[in-house]
Amino acid sequence: MLPAPRNRWSAPHLRRQASTGCVSSFERLISETVSQALEYRYDGYAHPPRSDAALQAVRAFDFMQPAAHVVHSRLPVGAGTELSVYASAARNRPALVLVPPFGMPFGLYRDWFVRLAQRYFVVSWETRALFGACADFDRADTGMAAQVGDLVAVMDHFGLDDAHVMGICGGAPVALCAAPRLAQRIHSLSLWYGDYQLGDASLRTQHQQNFEWLMETAAQDREQAGQMQQLFTDPSILGTMPRSIAHLALYPYANAELMYRYARLNAGLYAAQLMPALHGIAVPTLVVSGDNDSTTHCGGSQFIAQQIAGARFHLERGGNHEGLFSVPEGLHTLLLEFLETAREEAVN
């Protein structure tokens, strides 16, 4: 039995045992991650000195691989709820608010955060009630107004009177809805591979339609959420998503309670009316999507861009969700050039 490191990601203990041939997707991911971290070989720890070394490695290893100069803190936002907040170290740089992929851990978009922090003071957070304390989820606000309120709370917490706002995937509609409210506080808005519910099935991929059905079903009650969550314990689920991000993308499905909360929060997101926000945006706006993305429909992003006065739409050839999170050099350059142009327009 190997005691696990005591941090927010720790399990009570780790136990090595022979495979019975029937392990869940989560058990398989954990086994592979631990084995890779320890460069594990089945014959490598037969002698006590090697076992001791393995024990020390497990205790010391941080499987989140935190980035240098990233500060993690907790931000109370009322009613027993707190946000898990991240900020880069260079407070003297222009500010950028990174609205995260909805319900996903920081690790999924960490590379974007780190690259942008080389030029900007970047702040972000993880979705309420899935990360950080939530004293009573059944009474917590799960609507779009709460998500926008969290964005504003993060800006207020860091004293940001002006900033660029970047929304990724499910964070894009949150950034979109926040933009009119923050009209005097943001320099630009960029929306990346957004997940938009526009009431038109032709602007939703099959994945989006299936996901929406799944969320509607799981949001009904905890029993339904528990039944739906069992689908994600099947190891075959690992064949439907890139292995490089599977351990992060599966987080909201790790247990029935997380899935219930995730479903309720997504229901609040999809219920939001986006059209009123579209006509209240008066800052430079960049909308990006990929023509090879089976996760979110590029047509939805194009429609959003067409409704925002002066917005620029960029369709990445061969672009998809997995590639987006690896921060392709072309997209990184596209964003930096857009931000610099928007800053110059704000100054002039």
Protein backbone atom coordinates (compact mmCIF):
# COMPACT_ATOMS: atom_id res chain seq x y z
CA MET A 1 0.00 0.00 0.00
CA LEU A 2 1.46 3.36 -1.04
CA PRO A 3 0.26 6.56 0.66
CA ALA A 4 -0.67 9.18 -1.92
CA PRO A 5 0.57 12.78 -1.89
CA ARG A 6 -1.70 14.98 0.20
CA ASN A 7 -3.09 17.57 -2.18
CA ARG A 8 -6.47 18.32 -3.68
CA TRP A 9 -6.04 15.59 -6.28
CA SER A 10 -4.98 12.87 -3.86
CA ALA A 11 -6.73 9.57 -3.29
CA PRO A 12 -6.79 8.01 0.22
CA HIS A 13 -4.33 5.34 -0.87
CA LEU A 14 -2.93 3.46 -3.82
CA ARG A 15 -2.85 -0.32 -3.85
CA ARG A 16 -0.98 -2.42 -6.38
CA GLN A 17 -2.88 -5.52 -7.36
CA ALA A 18 -2.98 -7.86 -10.29
CA SER A 19 -5.51 -7.03 -12.97
CA THR A 20 -8.69 -9.10 -12.89
CA GLY A 21 -9.29 -8.27 -16.54
CA CYS A 22 -12.16 -5.94 -15.69
CA VAL A 23 -11.13 -2.40 -14.82
CA SER A 24 -13.00 0.84 -15.35
CA SER A 25 -11.86 3.62 -17.68
CA PHE A 26 -10.83 5.67 -14.63
CA GLU A 27 -8.82 2.84 -13.07
CA ARG A 28 -7.06 2.26 -16.36
CA LEU A 29 -6.17 5.94 -16.74
CA ILE A 30 -4.84 6.13 -13.18
CA SER A 31 -2.76 2.99 -13.65
CA GLU A 32 -1.25 4.25 -16.88
CA THR A 33 -0.50 7.70 -15.45
CA VAL A 34 1.17 6.32 -12.33
CA SER A 35 3.13 3.76 -14.34
CA GLN A 36 4.34 6.39 -16.76
CA ALA A 37 5.35 8.73 -13.93
CA LEU A 38 7.39 6.02 -12.24
CA GLU A 39 8.68 4.52 -15.50
CA TYR A 40 7.18 1.35 -14.12
CA ARG A 41 8.35 -2.13 -15.05
CA TYR A 42 6.72 -5.14 -13.45
CA ASP A 43 10.12 -6.58 -12.57
CA GLY A 44 11.57 -3.25 -11.48
CA TYR A 45 10.57 -3.15 -7.81
CA ALA A 46 11.35 -6.64 -6.60
CA HIS A 47 14.03 -5.49 -4.16
CA PRO A 48 13.32 -3.32 -1.08
CA PRO A 49 15.59 -0.42 -2.13
CA ARG A 50 13.67 -0.06 -5.39
CA SER A 51 10.36 -0.25 -3.54
CA ASP A 52 11.50 2.52 -1.21
CA ALA A 53 12.47 4.65 -4.17
CA ALA A 54 9.06 4.09 -5.75
CA LEU A 55 7.32 5.09 -2.53
CA GLN A 56 9.30 8.32 -2.33
CA ALA A 57 8.56 9.07 -5.99
CA VAL A 58 4.80 8.67 -5.49
CA ARG A 59 4.89 10.93 -2.45
CA ALA A 60 6.82 13.63 -4.28
CA PHE A 61 5.22 13.45 -7.72
CA ASP A 62 2.61 16.07 -8.64
CA PHE A 63 0.54 14.57 -11.41
CA MET A 64 -0.88 17.97 -12.37
CA GLN A 65 2.61 19.21 -13.32
CA PRO A 66 1.91 22.80 -12.21
CA ALA A 67 3.44 25.59 -14.23
CA ALA A 68 6.03 27.85 -12.72
CA HIS A 69 4.84 31.32 -11.76
CA VAL A 70 1.15 30.33 -11.64
CA VAL A 71 -0.58 31.25 -8.39
CA HIS A 72 -3.58 29.18 -7.29
CA SER A 73 -6.06 30.55 -4.74
CA ARG A 74 -9.67 30.33 -3.56
CA LEU A 75 -12.20 33.09 -4.09
CA PRO A 76 -15.48 33.10 -2.09
CA VAL A 77 -18.43 34.17 -4.23
CA GLY A 78 -21.22 33.88 -1.67
CA ALA A 79 -23.66 31.27 -0.31
CA GLY A 80 -20.89 28.86 0.69
CA THR A 81 -19.45 28.73 -2.83
CA GLU A 82 -15.86 29.45 -3.76
CA LEU A 83 -13.96 29.50 -7.02
CA SER A 84 -10.65 27.83 -7.73
CA VAL A 85 -8.71 30.74 -9.27
CA TYR A 86 -5.43 30.94 -11.19
CA ALA A 87 -3.25 33.96 -11.93
CA SER A 88 0.13 34.46 -13.55
CA ALA A 89 2.85 36.28 -11.65
CA ALA A 90 3.52 39.39 -13.75
CA ARG A 91 0.86 41.79 -12.51
CA ASN A 92 2.36 44.74 -14.42
CA ARG A 93 1.46 43.33 -17.84
CA PRO A 94 -1.77 43.96 -19.79
CA ALA A 95 -4.55 41.78 -18.40
CA LEU A 96 -6.23 38.85 -20.12
CA VAL A 97 -9.17 36.92 -18.67
CA LEU A 98 -9.23 33.32 -19.90
CA VAL A 99 -12.78 31.93 -19.58
CA PRO A 100 -12.18 28.17 -19.31
CA PRO A 101 -13.71 25.25 -21.17
CA PHE A 102 -16.86 24.67 -19.12
CA GLY A 103 -16.46 22.11 -16.34
CA MET A 104 -12.90 21.18 -17.28
CA PRO A 105 -9.80 21.20 -15.03
CA PHE A 106 -7.12 23.85 -15.36
CA GLY A 107 -4.75 21.24 -16.77
CA LEU A 108 -6.74 21.03 -20.00
CA TYR A 109 -6.08 24.65 -20.96
CA ARG A 110 -2.87 25.11 -18.98
CA ASP A 111 -0.71 25.40 -22.13
CA TRP A 112 -2.72 28.38 -23.38
CA PHE A 113 -2.47 29.99 -19.95
CA VAL A 114 1.31 29.54 -19.79
CA ARG A 115 1.99 30.75 -23.34
CA LEU A 116 -0.16 33.87 -22.91
CA ALA A 117 1.41 34.61 -19.52
CA GLN A 118 4.66 35.35 -21.35
CA ARG A 119 3.11 38.64 -22.49
CA TYR A 120 0.01 39.14 -20.37
CA PHE A 121 -1.20 39.03 -16.79
CA VAL A 122 -3.53 36.06 -17.20
CA VAL A 123 -6.31 35.16 -14.78
CA SER A 124 -8.73 32.25 -14.93
CA TRP A 125 -10.85 29.97 -12.76
CA GLU A 126 -12.53 26.57 -12.77
CA THR A 127 -16.29 26.17 -13.00
CA ARG A 128 -18.21 26.72 -9.77
CA ALA A 129 -19.52 23.71 -7.80
CA LEU A 130 -17.23 21.32 -9.68
CA PHE A 131 -14.04 22.77 -8.18
CA GLY A 132 -13.77 24.65 -4.91
CA ALA A 133 -16.27 24.53 -2.07
CA CYS A 134 -20.03 24.44 -2.60
CA ALA A 135 -21.88 24.11 0.70
CA ASP A 136 -25.30 23.33 -0.78
CA PHE A 137 -25.39 22.58 -4.48
CA ASP A 138 -29.15 22.09 -4.55
CA ARG A 139 -29.56 25.75 -3.63
CA ALA A 140 -26.67 27.04 -5.71
CA ASP A 141 -27.23 29.21 -8.76
CA THR A 142 -26.50 27.19 -11.90
CA GLY A 143 -27.62 29.66 -14.58
CA MET A 144 -25.70 31.79 -17.03
CA ALA A 145 -26.04 34.82 -14.76
CA ALA A 146 -23.98 33.00 -12.12
CA GLN A 147 -21.27 32.12 -14.63
CA VAL A 148 -21.08 35.74 -15.80
CA GLY A 149 -21.04 36.83 -12.17
CA ASP A 150 -18.04 34.59 -11.53
CA LEU A 151 -16.16 36.21 -14.41
CA VAL A 152 -16.90 39.65 -13.00
CA ALA A 153 -15.92 38.50 -9.49
CA VAL A 154 -12.53 37.30 -10.75
CA MET A 155 -11.91 40.63 -12.49
CA ASP A 156 -12.93 42.54 -9.37
CA HIS A 157 -10.76 40.35 -7.16
CA PHE A 158 -7.67 41.23 -9.17
CA GLY A 159 -8.69 44.87 -9.61
CA LEU A 160 -8.92 44.65 -13.39
CA ASP A 161 -10.51 47.80 -14.77
CA ASP A 162 -9.60 46.76 -18.31
CA ALA A 163 -8.71 43.42 -19.87
CA HIS A 164 -8.93 41.24 -22.94
CA VAL A 165 -11.42 38.36 -22.63
CA MET A 166 -10.85 34.97 -24.28
CA GLY A 167 -13.45 32.18 -24.09
CA ILE A 168 -12.76 28.55 -25.05
CA CYS A 169 -15.42 25.96 -25.97
CA GLY A 170 -18.15 26.16 -23.29
CA GLY A 171 -16.43 29.25 -21.94
CA ALA A 172 -17.13 31.08 -25.20
CA PRO A 173 -20.87 31.66 -24.55
CA VAL A 174 -20.03 32.79 -21.01
CA ALA A 175 -17.56 35.34 -22.38
CA LEU A 176 -20.11 36.33 -24.99
CA CYS A 177 -22.86 36.99 -22.44
CA ALA A 178 -20.46 38.88 -20.17
CA ALA A 179 -19.22 41.25 -22.88
CA PRO A 180 -22.16 43.71 -22.86
CA ARG A 181 -22.07 43.94 -19.07
CA LEU A 182 -18.34 44.64 -19.18
CA ALA A 183 -18.49 47.01 -22.13
CA GLN A 184 -16.38 49.65 -20.37
CA ARG A 185 -13.86 47.18 -18.95
CA ILE A 186 -12.73 45.01 -21.84
CA HIS A 187 -10.47 45.80 -24.80
CA SER A 188 -11.37 42.79 -26.93
CA LEU A 189 -13.31 39.54 -27.09
CA SER A 190 -12.06 36.32 -28.67
CA LEU A 191 -14.18 33.16 -28.90
CA TRP A 192 -12.49 29.84 -29.66
CA TYR A 193 -14.31 26.72 -30.90
CA GLY A 194 -17.43 27.81 -29.03
CA ASP A 195 -20.24 25.50 -27.96
CA TYR A 196 -23.32 27.60 -28.84
CA GLN A 197 -26.97 26.61 -28.44
CA LEU A 198 -28.73 28.68 -31.11
CA GLY A 199 -31.91 26.64 -31.49
CA ASP A 200 -30.80 25.28 -34.88
CA ALA A 201 -29.80 21.62 -35.05
CA SER A 202 -27.97 22.22 -38.35
CA LEU A 203 -25.46 24.32 -36.39
CA ARG A 204 -24.76 21.51 -33.90
CA THR A 205 -22.51 18.50 -34.49
CA GLN A 206 -23.77 15.02 -33.70
CA HIS A 207 -21.50 15.15 -30.66
CA GLN A 208 -23.18 18.35 -29.45
CA GLN A 209 -26.65 16.89 -29.94
CA ASN A 210 -25.75 13.68 -28.11
CA PHE A 211 -24.06 15.63 -25.33
CA GLU A 212 -27.11 17.85 -24.86
CA TRP A 213 -29.35 14.80 -24.56
CA LEU A 214 -26.96 13.28 -22.03
CA MET A 215 -26.92 16.46 -19.94
CA GLU A 216 -30.71 16.83 -20.04
CA THR A 217 -31.11 13.24 -18.85
CA ALA A 218 -28.48 13.43 -16.10
CA ALA A 219 -29.83 16.78 -14.86
CA GLN A 220 -33.21 15.26 -13.95
CA ASP A 221 -32.02 13.84 -10.64
CA ARG A 222 -29.07 12.10 -9.01
CA GLU A 223 -30.40 8.64 -9.82
CA GLN A 224 -30.48 9.41 -13.53
CA ALA A 225 -27.03 10.99 -13.26
CA GLY A 226 -25.72 7.82 -11.62
CA GLN A 227 -27.05 5.67 -14.42
CA MET A 228 -25.56 7.92 -17.08
CA GLN A 229 -22.23 8.08 -15.24
CA GLN A 230 -21.86 4.31 -15.52
CA LEU A 231 -21.47 4.72 -19.27
CA PHE A 232 -18.15 6.45 -18.66
CA THR A 233 -16.66 3.63 -16.60
CA ASP A 234 -16.49 1.38 -19.65
CA PRO A 235 -12.85 1.27 -20.84
CA SER A 236 -14.09 1.54 -24.43
CA ILE A 237 -14.87 5.22 -23.74
CA LEU A 238 -11.12 5.82 -23.97
CA GLY A 239 -11.31 5.02 -27.65
CA THR A 240 -13.64 7.96 -28.27
CA MET A 241 -11.33 10.71 -27.04
CA PRO A 242 -7.69 11.69 -27.48
CA ARG A 243 -5.56 9.92 -24.87
CA SER A 244 -3.48 13.06 -24.37
CA ILE A 245 -6.44 14.80 -22.70
CA ALA A 246 -8.65 11.87 -21.62
CA HIS A 247 -7.64 12.09 -17.95
CA LEU A 248 -8.74 15.75 -17.95
CA ALA A 249 -11.82 15.55 -20.17
CA LEU A 250 -13.27 12.69 -18.09
CA TYR A 251 -13.12 14.65 -14.83
CA PRO A 252 -16.83 15.71 -14.69
CA TYR A 253 -17.84 12.06 -15.14
CA ALA A 254 -15.68 10.63 -12.36
CA ASN A 255 -18.65 9.98 -10.06
CA ALA A 256 -22.42 10.41 -10.02
CA GLU A 257 -22.44 13.63 -7.98
CA LEU A 258 -19.97 15.37 -10.27
CA MET A 259 -21.95 14.31 -13.30
CA TYR A 260 -25.22 15.54 -11.78
CA ARG A 261 -23.68 18.93 -11.05
CA TYR A 262 -22.07 19.11 -14.48
CA ALA A 263 -25.40 18.33 -16.14
CA ARG A 264 -27.30 20.92 -14.11
CA LEU A 265 -24.69 23.57 -14.87
CA ASN A 266 -24.73 22.75 -18.59
CA ALA A 267 -28.52 22.95 -18.61
CA GLY A 268 -28.21 26.49 -17.25
CA LEU A 269 -25.70 27.31 -19.97
CA TYR A 270 -27.87 25.98 -22.79
CA ALA A 271 -30.96 27.79 -21.50
CA ALA A 272 -29.30 31.19 -21.92
CA GLN A 273 -30.49 33.42 -24.74
CA LEU A 274 -27.44 34.44 -26.76
CA MET A 275 -29.01 36.69 -29.37
CA PRO A 276 -29.54 39.72 -27.07
CA ALA A 277 -25.85 39.63 -26.10
CA LEU A 278 -24.70 39.51 -29.72
CA HIS A 279 -26.09 42.93 -30.51
CA GLY A 280 -24.60 44.52 -27.39
CA ILE A 281 -20.93 43.88 -28.21
CA ALA A 282 -18.96 46.91 -29.35
CA VAL A 283 -15.33 45.80 -28.91
CA PRO A 284 -12.98 44.16 -31.43
CA THR A 285 -14.06 40.53 -31.68
CA LEU A 286 -12.33 37.45 -33.10
CA VAL A 287 -14.26 34.19 -33.58
CA VAL A 288 -12.25 31.05 -34.34
CA SER A 289 -13.30 27.53 -35.30
CA GLY A 290 -11.90 24.53 -37.18
CA ASP A 291 -13.18 22.84 -40.30
CA ASN A 292 -12.24 19.39 -38.99
CA ASP A 293 -13.83 19.69 -35.54
CA SER A 294 -16.37 16.99 -34.73
CA THR A 295 -16.90 18.41 -31.22
CA THR A 296 -18.33 21.87 -31.94
CA HIS A 297 -19.84 23.00 -35.24
CA CYS A 298 -17.90 25.63 -37.17
CA GLY A 299 -21.22 26.92 -38.55
CA GLY A 300 -22.27 28.00 -35.08
CA SER A 301 -19.11 30.06 -34.70
CA GLN A 302 -19.56 31.57 -38.15
CA PHE A 303 -23.14 32.55 -37.31
CA ILE A 304 -21.98 34.20 -34.07
CA ALA A 305 -19.36 36.21 -35.97
CA GLN A 306 -21.91 37.36 -38.53
CA GLN A 307 -24.15 38.77 -35.80
CA ILE A 308 -21.46 40.85 -34.07
CA ALA A 309 -20.72 44.16 -35.76
CA GLY A 310 -17.19 44.19 -37.16
CA ALA A 311 -16.29 40.71 -35.88
CA ARG A 312 -13.61 38.72 -37.67
CA PHE A 313 -14.17 35.02 -38.34
CA HIS A 314 -11.19 32.68 -38.76
CA LEU A 315 -11.70 29.09 -39.93
CA GLU A 316 -8.64 26.98 -39.19
CA ARG A 317 -7.94 24.45 -41.92
CA GLY A 318 -7.76 21.00 -40.35
CA GLY A 319 -8.50 22.50 -36.94
CA ASN A 320 -10.11 20.43 -34.19
CA HIS A 321 -10.53 20.42 -30.42
CA GLU A 322 -7.54 18.22 -29.65
CA GLY A 323 -5.27 20.42 -31.72
CA LEU A 324 -6.62 23.59 -30.13
CA PHE A 325 -5.48 22.58 -26.64
CA SER A 326 -1.95 21.94 -27.88
CA VAL A 327 -1.69 25.68 -28.75
CA PRO A 328 -0.75 25.49 -32.44
CA GLU A 329 1.79 28.14 -33.35
CA GLY A 330 -0.46 29.58 -36.05
CA LEU A 331 -3.36 30.11 -33.66
CA HIS A 332 -1.08 31.51 -30.98
CA THR A 333 0.28 34.05 -33.47
CA LEU A 334 -3.24 34.84 -34.67
CA LEU A 335 -4.34 35.66 -31.13
CA LEU A 336 -1.29 37.77 -30.28
CA GLU A 337 -1.68 39.83 -33.45
CA PHE A 338 -5.39 40.32 -32.75
CA LEU A 339 -4.75 41.41 -29.15
CA GLU A 340 -2.05 43.86 -30.21
CA THR A 341 -4.32 45.39 -32.86
CA ALA A 342 -7.17 45.68 -30.37
CA ARG A 343 -4.86 47.38 -27.86
CA GLU A 344 -3.74 49.89 -30.45
CA GLU A 345 -7.35 50.64 -31.38
CA ALA A 346 -8.21 51.20 -27.73
CA VAL A 347 -5.29 53.62 -27.29
CA ASN A 348 -6.18 55.59 -30.41
